[in-house]
Protein backbone atom coordinates (compact mmCIF):
# COMPACT_ATOMS: atom_id res chain seq x y z
CA MET A 1 58.54 48.35 48.98
CA LYS A 2 60.62 45.89 51.01
CA LYS A 3 59.28 47.38 54.25
CA ILE A 4 55.68 46.93 53.11
CA ILE A 5 56.25 43.33 52.06
CA SER A 6 58.05 42.51 55.31
CA PHE A 7 55.37 44.23 57.37
CA LEU A 8 52.48 42.41 55.74
CA LEU A 9 54.07 39.00 55.73
CA VAL A 10 55.13 39.04 59.35
CA CYS A 11 52.92 41.60 61.07
CA PHE A 12 49.85 39.49 61.68
CA PHE A 13 50.94 36.04 62.63
CA ILE A 14 54.04 33.96 63.03
CA LEU A 15 54.38 31.58 60.16
CA SER A 16 56.18 28.31 60.25
CA CYS A 17 59.91 28.41 59.67
CA SER A 18 59.80 26.05 56.74
CA PRO A 19 60.65 27.65 53.39
CA GLN A 20 57.81 28.29 51.01
CA ASN A 21 58.02 27.76 47.28
CA LYS A 22 57.16 30.81 45.27
CA ILE A 23 55.15 30.34 42.12
CA ALA A 24 55.35 32.90 39.34
CA ASN A 25 51.57 32.85 39.01
CA HIS A 26 50.21 36.06 40.59
CA LYS A 27 46.97 34.27 41.54
CA GLU A 28 48.83 32.21 44.15
CA ASN A 29 46.88 32.30 47.41
CA SER A 30 49.23 33.40 50.15
CA GLU A 31 47.52 33.22 53.50
CA ILE A 32 48.59 34.22 56.98
CA LYS A 33 47.48 31.74 59.64
CA PRO A 34 47.57 32.32 63.39
CA ALA A 35 49.98 30.29 65.49
CA LYS A 36 50.44 29.62 69.21
CA ASN A 37 53.66 30.23 71.10
CA ASP A 38 55.30 27.77 73.52
CA GLU A 39 53.00 28.86 76.36
CA GLY A 40 49.91 28.09 74.26
CA GLU A 41 48.96 31.74 73.76
CA TRP A 42 48.15 33.21 70.39
CA GLU A 43 50.98 35.45 69.29
CA LEU A 44 51.23 38.45 67.00
CA ASP A 45 54.63 39.93 66.21
CA VAL A 46 54.97 43.01 64.03
CA LEU A 47 58.44 43.74 62.70
CA ASP A 48 57.80 47.28 61.49
CA SER A 49 59.54 49.54 64.01
CA GLN A 50 56.89 52.24 63.63
CA TYR A 51 54.21 49.82 64.83
CA ASN A 52 55.64 49.86 68.36
CA TYR A 53 55.72 53.65 68.25
CA PHE A 54 52.09 53.60 67.08
CA LEU A 55 51.06 51.28 69.95
CA ASN A 56 52.83 53.39 72.57
CA ALA A 57 52.13 56.93 71.33
CA VAL A 58 49.05 56.89 69.08
CA ALA A 59 46.84 53.86 69.77
CA LYS A 60 44.35 53.81 72.62
CA PRO A 61 45.45 51.57 75.50
CA MET A 62 44.23 47.98 75.66
CA SER A 63 42.22 48.79 78.79
CA MET A 64 39.86 50.90 76.65
CA TYR A 65 38.53 47.79 74.88
CA THR A 66 36.70 44.61 75.72
CA GLU A 67 37.61 41.33 74.10
CA SER A 68 34.10 40.92 72.64
CA TYR A 69 34.24 44.40 71.05
CA LEU A 70 37.62 43.66 69.47
CA LYS A 71 36.52 40.21 68.29
CA THR A 72 33.47 41.72 66.57
CA ARG A 73 35.54 44.46 64.94
CA ASN A 74 38.32 42.07 63.89
CA SER A 75 35.81 39.71 62.28
CA PHE A 76 34.52 42.54 60.13
CA LEU A 77 37.98 43.99 59.43
CA VAL A 78 39.48 40.62 58.42
CA THR A 79 36.55 40.11 56.01
CA GLU A 80 37.14 43.58 54.56
CA TRP A 81 40.90 42.98 54.34
CA ASN A 82 40.44 39.63 52.59
CA SER A 83 37.92 41.20 50.21
CA TYR A 84 40.53 43.80 49.22
CA TYR A 85 43.15 41.07 48.83
CA PHE A 86 41.05 38.78 46.62
CA SER A 87 39.79 41.68 44.49
CA GLY A 88 43.33 42.95 43.95
CA ARG A 89 42.65 46.36 45.48
CA TYR A 90 45.48 48.05 47.38
CA ARG A 91 48.09 45.60 46.09
CA ASN A 92 50.84 47.90 47.28
CA VAL A 93 49.68 47.40 50.90
CA ILE A 94 47.72 44.11 51.07
CA GLU A 95 49.77 41.18 49.84
CA SER A 96 48.20 38.27 51.73
CA SER A 97 44.90 37.12 53.12
CA ILE A 98 44.28 36.48 56.82
CA ASP A 99 42.99 33.20 58.20
CA TYR A 100 40.97 34.33 61.24
CA ASP A 101 38.33 32.22 62.96
CA PRO A 102 35.88 34.37 64.99
CA ASN A 103 34.88 31.26 66.97
CA GLU A 104 38.44 30.77 68.25
CA ASN A 105 39.37 32.26 71.63
CA TYR A 106 42.53 34.21 70.76
CA GLY A 107 42.55 36.30 73.95
CA LEU A 108 42.41 40.03 74.58
CA LYS A 109 46.08 40.75 73.84
CA PHE A 110 45.97 39.07 70.44
CA GLU A 111 42.64 40.68 69.49
CA TYR A 112 43.97 44.09 70.56
CA ARG A 113 47.20 43.78 68.57
CA LEU A 114 45.33 42.57 65.48
CA TYR A 115 42.87 45.46 65.72
CA GLN A 116 45.73 47.90 66.11
CA VAL A 117 47.42 46.48 62.99
CA PHE A 118 44.39 47.62 60.99
CA ALA A 119 44.50 51.02 62.70
CA TYR A 120 48.24 51.19 62.01
CA VAL A 121 47.82 50.43 58.31
CA GLN A 122 45.25 53.23 58.09
CA TRP A 123 47.47 55.60 60.07
CA LYS A 124 50.68 54.85 58.14
CA TYR A 125 49.44 54.07 54.62
CA GLY A 126 46.11 55.91 54.57
CA LEU A 127 44.14 52.74 53.76
CA LYS A 128 40.60 53.47 54.97
CA MET A 129 39.02 50.47 56.64
CA ARG A 130 35.23 50.84 57.02
CA GLY A 131 35.14 48.50 60.00
CA LEU A 132 37.62 50.64 61.94
CA SER A 133 36.30 53.13 64.47
CA GLN A 134 37.44 56.61 63.45
CA THR A 135 38.18 57.45 67.08
CA ASP A 136 40.96 54.85 66.99
CA VAL A 137 42.86 56.57 64.20
CA ARG A 138 44.00 60.11 64.78
């Protein structure tokens, strides 16, 4: 359970280092927001060690995608993810919503890593995402 919580809280975006107060109310809206690194690029760090294995051995290479394709897919997948979060479905996997703006230019690397997070969650946890191309998950 600790691995799942750590994965979901850190896998999408780097959050600020300031401590967050936890409220006992389960309805608390925890949200993951994207952040830029020192070079001004959008960054996505995933702490789950199997994610790197997935990227290197299972996922299609970044060169197989265009940024516009990934942006379109990620827009749909984030909406689906947030729908699951707010409805309470898959609580054992989805523990936060994602703040993603499809009008923001995140760059190909960020879009690719975000898309592969959804593919990874399906690959590792079996969570079927309708917006995910079945050719991306073996």
